[in-house]
Amino acid sequence: MQIDYLDSFLLHRPDPLMEPEEVAEEVAEAFDELQTAGKVRHFGVSNFNPQQFEFLQENLDQKLLINQL
């Protein structure tokens, strides 16, 4: 694609087979790495219900700007 970064990156859906705390930790680590490397500017989610969205947001340094339903 010959691009240096993505304007937006969406986490597609919560993983029903993992514990929420594990997911939040892994997602937070991945988002931090992507942002620090300058690969992604904004983050969001897709197919999260309001409780899942809020739980994840509480565990991230980045603000989730998108919630695609």
PDB file of N, CA and C in Angstrom:
ATOM      1  N   MET A   1       0.821  -1.194   0.000  1.00  0.00           N
ATOM      2  CA  MET A   1       0.000   0.000   0.000  1.00  0.00           C
ATOM      3  C   MET A   1       0.863   1.255   0.000  1.00  0.00           C
ATOM      4  N   GLN A   2       2.109   1.130   0.336  1.00  0.00           N
ATOM      5  CA  GLN A   2       3.054   2.246   0.336  1.00  0.00           C
ATOM      6  C   GLN A   2       2.568   3.433   1.176  1.00  0.00           C
ATOM      7  N   ILE A   3       2.196   3.147   2.419  1.00  0.00           N
ATOM      8  CA  ILE A   3       1.794   4.194   3.359  1.00  0.00           C
ATOM      9  C   ILE A   3       2.640   4.083   4.617  1.00  0.00           C
ATOM     10  N   ASP A   4       2.803   5.196   5.297  1.00  0.00           N
ATOM     11  CA  ASP A   4       3.617   5.210   6.506  1.00  0.00           C
ATOM     12  C   ASP A   4       2.809   4.979   7.771  1.00  0.00           C
ATOM     13  N   TYR A   5       1.521   5.313   7.730  1.00  0.00           N
ATOM     14  CA  TYR A   5       0.681   5.179   8.920  1.00  0.00           C
ATOM     15  C   TYR A   5      -0.782   5.067   8.508  1.00  0.00           C
ATOM     16  N   LEU A   6      -1.601   4.625   9.451  1.00  0.00           N
ATOM     17  CA  LEU A   6      -3.050   4.582   9.272  1.00  0.00           C
ATOM     18  C   LEU A   6      -3.664   5.729  10.062  1.00  0.00           C
ATOM     19  N   ASP A   7      -4.643   6.384   9.475  1.00  0.00           N
ATOM     20  CA  ASP A   7      -5.361   7.418  10.219  1.00  0.00           C
ATOM     21  C   ASP A   7      -6.183   6.796  11.338  1.00  0.00           C
ATOM     22  N   SER A   8      -6.836   5.666  11.040  1.00  0.00           N
ATOM     23  CA  SER A   8      -7.698   5.005  12.016  1.00  0.00           C
ATOM     24  C   SER A   8      -7.479   3.496  11.969  1.00  0.00           C
ATOM     25  N   PHE A   9      -7.548   2.887  13.140  1.00  0.00           N
ATOM     26  CA  PHE A   9      -7.429   1.443  13.269  1.00  0.00           C
ATOM     27  C   PHE A   9      -8.564   0.981  14.169  1.00  0.00           C
ATOM     28  N   LEU A  10      -9.377   0.022  13.689  1.00  0.00           N
ATOM     29  CA  LEU A  10     -10.502  -0.482  14.469  1.00  0.00           C
ATOM     30  C   LEU A  10     -10.248  -1.924  14.896  1.00  0.00           C
ATOM     31  N   LEU A  11     -10.465  -2.180  16.166  1.00  0.00           N
ATOM     32  CA  LEU A  11     -10.472  -3.542  16.681  1.00  0.00           C
ATOM     33  C   LEU A  11     -11.836  -4.119  16.339  1.00  0.00           C
ATOM     34  N   HIS A  12     -11.872  -5.193  15.565  1.00  0.00           N
ATOM     35  CA  HIS A  12     -13.124  -5.650  14.958  1.00  0.00           C
ATOM     36  C   HIS A  12     -14.187  -6.091  15.953  1.00  0.00           C
ATOM     37  N   ARG A  13     -13.851  -6.937  16.891  1.00  0.00           N
ATOM     38  CA  ARG A  13     -14.865  -7.401  17.844  1.00  0.00           C
ATOM     39  C   ARG A  13     -14.180  -7.966  19.073  1.00  0.00           C
ATOM     40  N   PRO A  14     -14.887  -7.998  20.199  1.00  0.00           N
ATOM     41  CA  PRO A  14     -14.301  -8.616  21.391  1.00  0.00           C
ATOM     42  C   PRO A  14     -14.150 -10.123  21.184  1.00  0.00           C
ATOM     43  N   ASP A  15     -13.158 -10.695  21.807  1.00  0.00           N
ATOM     44  CA  ASP A  15     -12.931 -12.133  21.712  1.00  0.00           C
ATOM     45  C   ASP A  15     -13.689 -12.826  22.839  1.00  0.00           C
ATOM     46  N   PRO A  16     -14.754 -13.562  22.522  1.00  0.00           N
ATOM     47  CA  PRO A  16     -15.570 -14.187  23.562  1.00  0.00           C
ATOM     48  C   PRO A  16     -14.867 -15.330  24.290  1.00  0.00           C
ATOM     49  N   LEU A  17     -13.737 -15.801  23.774  1.00  0.00           N
ATOM     50  CA  LEU A  17     -13.041 -16.925  24.388  1.00  0.00           C
ATOM     51  C   LEU A  17     -11.965 -16.494  25.383  1.00  0.00           C
ATOM     52  N   MET A  18     -11.741 -15.189  25.508  1.00  0.00           N
ATOM     53  CA  MET A  18     -10.718 -14.692  26.427  1.00  0.00           C
ATOM     54  C   MET A  18     -11.348 -13.928  27.574  1.00  0.00           C
ATOM     55  N   GLU A  19     -10.637 -13.885  28.689  1.00  0.00           N
ATOM     56  CA  GLU A  19     -11.082 -13.097  29.831  1.00  0.00           C
ATOM     57  C   GLU A  19     -10.944 -11.613  29.487  1.00  0.00           C
ATOM     58  N   PRO A  20     -11.925 -10.790  29.849  1.00  0.00           N
ATOM     59  CA  PRO A  20     -11.871  -9.358  29.508  1.00  0.00           C
ATOM     60  C   PRO A  20     -10.586  -8.666  29.959  1.00  0.00           C
ATOM     61  N   GLU A  21     -10.070  -9.015  31.125  1.00  0.00           N
ATOM     62  CA  GLU A  21      -8.845  -8.380  31.618  1.00  0.00           C
ATOM     63  C   GLU A  21      -7.654  -8.709  30.725  1.00  0.00           C
ATOM     64  N   GLU A  22      -7.588  -9.959  30.240  1.00  0.00           N
ATOM     65  CA  GLU A  22      -6.506 -10.361  29.340  1.00  0.00           C
ATOM     66  C   GLU A  22      -6.601  -9.610  28.022  1.00  0.00           C
ATOM     67  N   VAL A  23      -7.812  -9.501  27.508  1.00  0.00           N
ATOM     68  CA  VAL A  23      -8.021  -8.789  26.248  1.00  0.00           C
ATOM     69  C   VAL A  23      -7.597  -7.339  26.403  1.00  0.00           C
ATOM     70  N   ALA A  24      -8.052  -6.692  27.461  1.00  0.00           N
ATOM     71  CA  ALA A  24      -7.731  -5.281  27.674  1.00  0.00           C
ATOM     72  C   ALA A  24      -6.226  -5.080  27.766  1.00  0.00           C
ATOM     73  N   GLU A  25      -5.541  -5.970  28.456  1.00  0.00           N
ATOM     74  CA  GLU A  25      -4.087  -5.857  28.598  1.00  0.00           C
ATOM     75  C   GLU A  25      -3.393  -6.006  27.248  1.00  0.00           C
ATOM     76  N   GLU A  26      -3.790  -7.005  26.469  1.00  0.00           N
ATOM     77  CA  GLU A  26      -3.173  -7.236  25.162  1.00  0.00           C
ATOM     78  C   GLU A  26      -3.471  -6.100  24.194  1.00  0.00           C
ATOM     79  N   VAL A  27      -4.702  -5.627  24.194  1.00  0.00           N
ATOM     80  CA  VAL A  27      -5.076  -4.534  23.307  1.00  0.00           C
ATOM     81  C   VAL A  27      -4.323  -3.264  23.686  1.00  0.00           C
ATOM     82  N   ALA A  28      -4.244  -2.973  24.974  1.00  0.00           N
ATOM     83  CA  ALA A  28      -3.523  -1.784  25.431  1.00  0.00           C
ATOM     84  C   ALA A  28      -2.064  -1.837  24.993  1.00  0.00           C
ATOM     85  N   GLU A  29      -1.445  -2.984  25.134  1.00  0.00           N
ATOM     86  CA  GLU A  29      -0.044  -3.142  24.723  1.00  0.00           C
ATOM     87  C   GLU A  29       0.115  -2.936  23.217  1.00  0.00           C
ATOM     88  N   ALA A  30      -0.761  -3.550  22.439  1.00  0.00           N
ATOM     89  CA  ALA A  30      -0.694  -3.417  20.980  1.00  0.00           C
ATOM     90  C   ALA A  30      -0.940  -1.974  20.539  1.00  0.00           C
ATOM     91  N   PHE A  31      -1.951  -1.326  21.109  1.00  0.00           N
ATOM     92  CA  PHE A  31      -2.242   0.068  20.755  1.00  0.00           C
ATOM     93  C   PHE A  31      -1.057   0.965  21.108  1.00  0.00           C
ATOM     94  N   ASP A  32      -0.439   0.741  22.268  1.00  0.00           N
ATOM     95  CA  ASP A  32       0.724   1.530  22.667  1.00  0.00           C
ATOM     96  C   ASP A  32       1.863   1.360  21.664  1.00  0.00           C
ATOM     97  N   GLU A  33       2.121   0.123  21.266  1.00  0.00           N
ATOM     98  CA  GLU A  33       3.193  -0.141  20.305  1.00  0.00           C
ATOM     99  C   GLU A  33       2.919   0.523  18.965  1.00  0.00           C
ATOM    100  N   LEU A  34       1.692   0.410  18.477  1.00  0.00           N
ATOM    101  CA  LEU A  34       1.338   1.015  17.189  1.00  0.00           C
ATOM    102  C   LEU A  34       1.450   2.535  17.231  1.00  0.00           C
ATOM    103  N   GLN A  35       1.013   3.125  18.335  1.00  0.00           N
ATOM    104  CA  GLN A  35       1.072   4.578  18.449  1.00  0.00           C
ATOM    105  C   GLN A  35       2.515   5.055  18.602  1.00  0.00           C
ATOM    106  N   THR A  36       3.285   4.398  19.436  1.00  0.00           N
ATOM    107  CA  THR A  36       4.681   4.771  19.660  1.00  0.00           C
ATOM    108  C   THR A  36       5.491   4.665  18.372  1.00  0.00           C
ATOM    109  N   ALA A  37       5.213   3.653  17.570  1.00  0.00           N
ATOM    110  CA  ALA A  37       5.917   3.463  16.300  1.00  0.00           C
ATOM    111  C   ALA A  37       5.430   4.434  15.225  1.00  0.00           C
ATOM    112  N   GLY A  38       4.377   5.185  15.527  1.00  0.00           N
ATOM    113  CA  GLY A  38       3.844   6.125  14.552  1.00  0.00           C
ATOM    114  C   GLY A  38       3.047   5.470  13.438  1.00  0.00           C
ATOM    115  N   LYS A  39       2.593   4.256  13.675  1.00  0.00           N
ATOM    116  CA  LYS A  39       1.873   3.508  12.638  1.00  0.00           C
ATOM    117  C   LYS A  39       0.376   3.810  12.607  1.00  0.00           C
ATOM    118  N   VAL A  40      -0.180   4.237  13.745  1.00  0.00           N
ATOM    119  CA  VAL A  40      -1.615   4.512  13.830  1.00  0.00           C
ATOM    120  C   VAL A  40      -1.825   5.813  14.591  1.00  0.00           C
ATOM    121  N   ARG A  41      -2.724   6.644  14.076  1.00  0.00           N
ATOM    122  CA  ARG A  41      -2.997   7.930  14.728  1.00  0.00           C
ATOM    123  C   ARG A  41      -4.225   7.899  15.635  1.00  0.00           C
ATOM    124  N   HIS A  42      -5.270   7.161  15.238  1.00  0.00           N
ATOM    125  CA  HIS A  42      -6.510   7.129  16.011  1.00  0.00           C
ATOM    126  C   HIS A  42      -7.012   5.696  16.098  1.00  0.00           C
ATOM    127  N   PHE A  43      -7.692   5.403  17.223  1.00  0.00           N
ATOM    128  CA  PHE A  43      -8.148   4.041  17.480  1.00  0.00           C
ATOM    129  C   PHE A  43      -9.652   4.006  17.717  1.00  0.00           C
ATOM    130  N   GLY A  44     -10.231   2.845  17.430  1.00  0.00           N
ATOM    131  CA  GLY A  44     -11.643   2.641  17.676  1.00  0.00           C
ATOM    132  C   GLY A  44     -11.955   1.158  17.713  1.00  0.00           C
ATOM    133  N   VAL A  45     -13.234   0.860  17.824  1.00  0.00           N
ATOM    134  CA  VAL A  45     -13.690  -0.524  17.878  1.00  0.00           C
ATOM    135  C   VAL A  45     -14.893  -0.712  16.956  1.00  0.00           C
ATOM    136  N   SER A  46     -15.201  -1.962  16.703  1.00  0.00           N
ATOM    137  CA  SER A  46     -16.363  -2.316  15.905  1.00  0.00           C
ATOM    138  C   SER A  46     -17.035  -3.511  16.577  1.00  0.00           C
ATOM    139  N   ASN A  47     -18.342  -3.469  16.649  1.00  0.00           N
ATOM    140  CA  ASN A  47     -19.131  -4.566  17.218  1.00  0.00           C
ATOM    141  C   ASN A  47     -18.937  -4.754  18.717  1.00  0.00           C
ATOM    142  N   PHE A  48     -18.664  -3.689  19.435  1.00  0.00           N
ATOM    143  CA  PHE A  48     -18.590  -3.722  20.896  1.00  0.00           C
ATOM    144  C   PHE A  48     -19.892  -3.159  21.454  1.00  0.00           C
ATOM    145  N   ASN A  49     -20.414  -3.770  22.507  1.00  0.00           N
ATOM    146  CA  ASN A  49     -21.582  -3.175  23.151  1.00  0.00           C
ATOM    147  C   ASN A  49     -21.089  -2.059  24.083  1.00  0.00           C
ATOM    148  N   PRO A  50     -21.978  -1.228  24.604  1.00  0.00           N
ATOM    149  CA  PRO A  50     -21.540  -0.089  25.426  1.00  0.00           C
ATOM    150  C   PRO A  50     -20.687  -0.485  26.632  1.00  0.00           C
ATOM    151  N   GLN A  51     -21.005  -1.588  27.280  1.00  0.00           N
ATOM    152  CA  GLN A  51     -20.228  -2.019  28.437  1.00  0.00           C
ATOM    153  C   GLN A  51     -18.823  -2.454  28.032  1.00  0.00           C
ATOM    154  N   GLN A  52     -18.712  -3.168  26.930  1.00  0.00           N
ATOM    155  CA  GLN A  52     -17.401  -3.595  26.442  1.00  0.00           C
ATOM    156  C   GLN A  52     -16.563  -2.386  26.019  1.00  0.00           C
ATOM    157  N   PHE A  53     -17.209  -1.424  25.372  1.00  0.00           N
ATOM    158  CA  PHE A  53     -16.527  -0.203  24.947  1.00  0.00           C
ATOM    159  C   PHE A  53     -15.961   0.531  26.157  1.00  0.00           C
ATOM    160  N   GLU A  54     -16.796   0.732  27.167  1.00  0.00           N
ATOM    161  CA  GLU A  54     -16.368   1.460  28.371  1.00  0.00           C
ATOM    162  C   GLU A  54     -15.260   0.712  29.111  1.00  0.00           C
ATOM    163  N   PHE A  55     -15.386  -0.595  29.229  1.00  0.00           N
ATOM    164  CA  PHE A  55     -14.366  -1.386  29.916  1.00  0.00           C
ATOM    165  C   PHE A  55     -13.021  -1.245  29.218  1.00  0.00           C
ATOM    166  N   LEU A  56     -13.023  -1.381  27.897  1.00  0.00           N
ATOM    167  CA  LEU A  56     -11.774  -1.261  27.157  1.00  0.00           C
ATOM    168  C   LEU A  56     -11.207   0.149  27.291  1.00  0.00           C
ATOM    169  N   GLN A  57     -12.067   1.160  27.152  1.00  0.00           N
ATOM    170  CA  GLN A  57     -11.602   2.547  27.250  1.00  0.00           C
ATOM    171  C   GLN A  57     -10.933   2.820  28.588  1.00  0.00           C
ATOM    172  N   GLU A  58     -11.452   2.255  29.643  1.00  0.00           N
ATOM    173  CA  GLU A  58     -10.867   2.445  30.979  1.00  0.00           C
ATOM    174  C   GLU A  58      -9.461   1.866  31.094  1.00  0.00           C
ATOM    175  N   ASN A  59      -9.117   0.956  30.191  1.00  0.00           N
ATOM    176  CA  ASN A  59      -7.825   0.278  30.253  1.00  0.00           C
ATOM    177  C   ASN A  59      -6.828   0.754  29.200  1.00  0.00           C
ATOM    178  N   LEU A  60      -7.178   1.784  28.458  1.00  0.00           N
ATOM    179  CA  LEU A  60      -6.314   2.298  27.398  1.00  0.00           C
ATOM    180  C   LEU A  60      -5.809   3.692  27.717  1.00  0.00           C
ATOM    181  N   ASP A  61      -4.629   4.008  27.205  1.00  0.00           N
ATOM    182  CA  ASP A  61      -4.132   5.382  27.261  1.00  0.00           C
ATOM    183  C   ASP A  61      -4.744   6.210  26.138  1.00  0.00           C
ATOM    184  N   GLN A  62      -5.064   5.564  25.028  1.00  0.00           N
ATOM    185  CA  GLN A  62      -5.634   6.241  23.877  1.00  0.00           C
ATOM    186  C   GLN A  62      -7.149   6.394  24.039  1.00  0.00           C
ATOM    187  N   LYS A  63      -7.675   7.460  23.480  1.00  0.00           N
ATOM    188  CA  LYS A  63      -9.125   7.648  23.460  1.00  0.00           C
ATOM    189  C   LYS A  63      -9.679   6.895  22.256  1.00  0.00           C
ATOM    190  N   LEU A  64     -10.712   6.090  22.494  1.00  0.00           N
ATOM    191  CA  LEU A  64     -11.390   5.411  21.395  1.00  0.00           C
ATOM    192  C   LEU A  64     -12.293   6.429  20.721  1.00  0.00           C
ATOM    193  N   LEU A  65     -12.003   6.750  19.467  1.00  0.00           N
ATOM    194  CA  LEU A  65     -12.756   7.792  18.763  1.00  0.00           C
ATOM    195  C   LEU A  65     -13.898   7.237  17.922  1.00  0.00           C
ATOM    196  N   ILE A  66     -13.891   5.919  17.708  1.00  0.00           N
ATOM    197  CA  ILE A  66     -14.878   5.310  16.806  1.00  0.00           C
ATOM    198  C   ILE A  66     -15.491   4.104  17.496  1.00  0.00           C
ATOM    199  N   ASN A  67     -16.817   3.983  17.384  1.00  0.00           N
ATOM    200  CA  ASN A  67     -17.515   2.775  17.829  1.00  0.00           C
ATOM    201  C   ASN A  67     -18.491   2.408  16.710  1.00  0.00           C
ATOM    202  N   GLN A  68     -18.013   1.635  15.758  1.00  0.00           N
ATOM    203  CA  GLN A  68     -18.826   1.224  14.619  1.00  0.00           C
ATOM    204  C   GLN A  68     -19.726   0.082  15.047  1.00  0.00           C
ATOM    205  N   LEU A  69     -21.030   0.306  14.939  1.00  0.00           N
ATOM    206  CA  LEU A  69     -21.980  -0.733  15.347  1.00  0.00           C
ATOM    207  C   LEU A  69     -22.453  -1.532  14.159  1.00  0.00           C
TER     208      LEU A  69
END
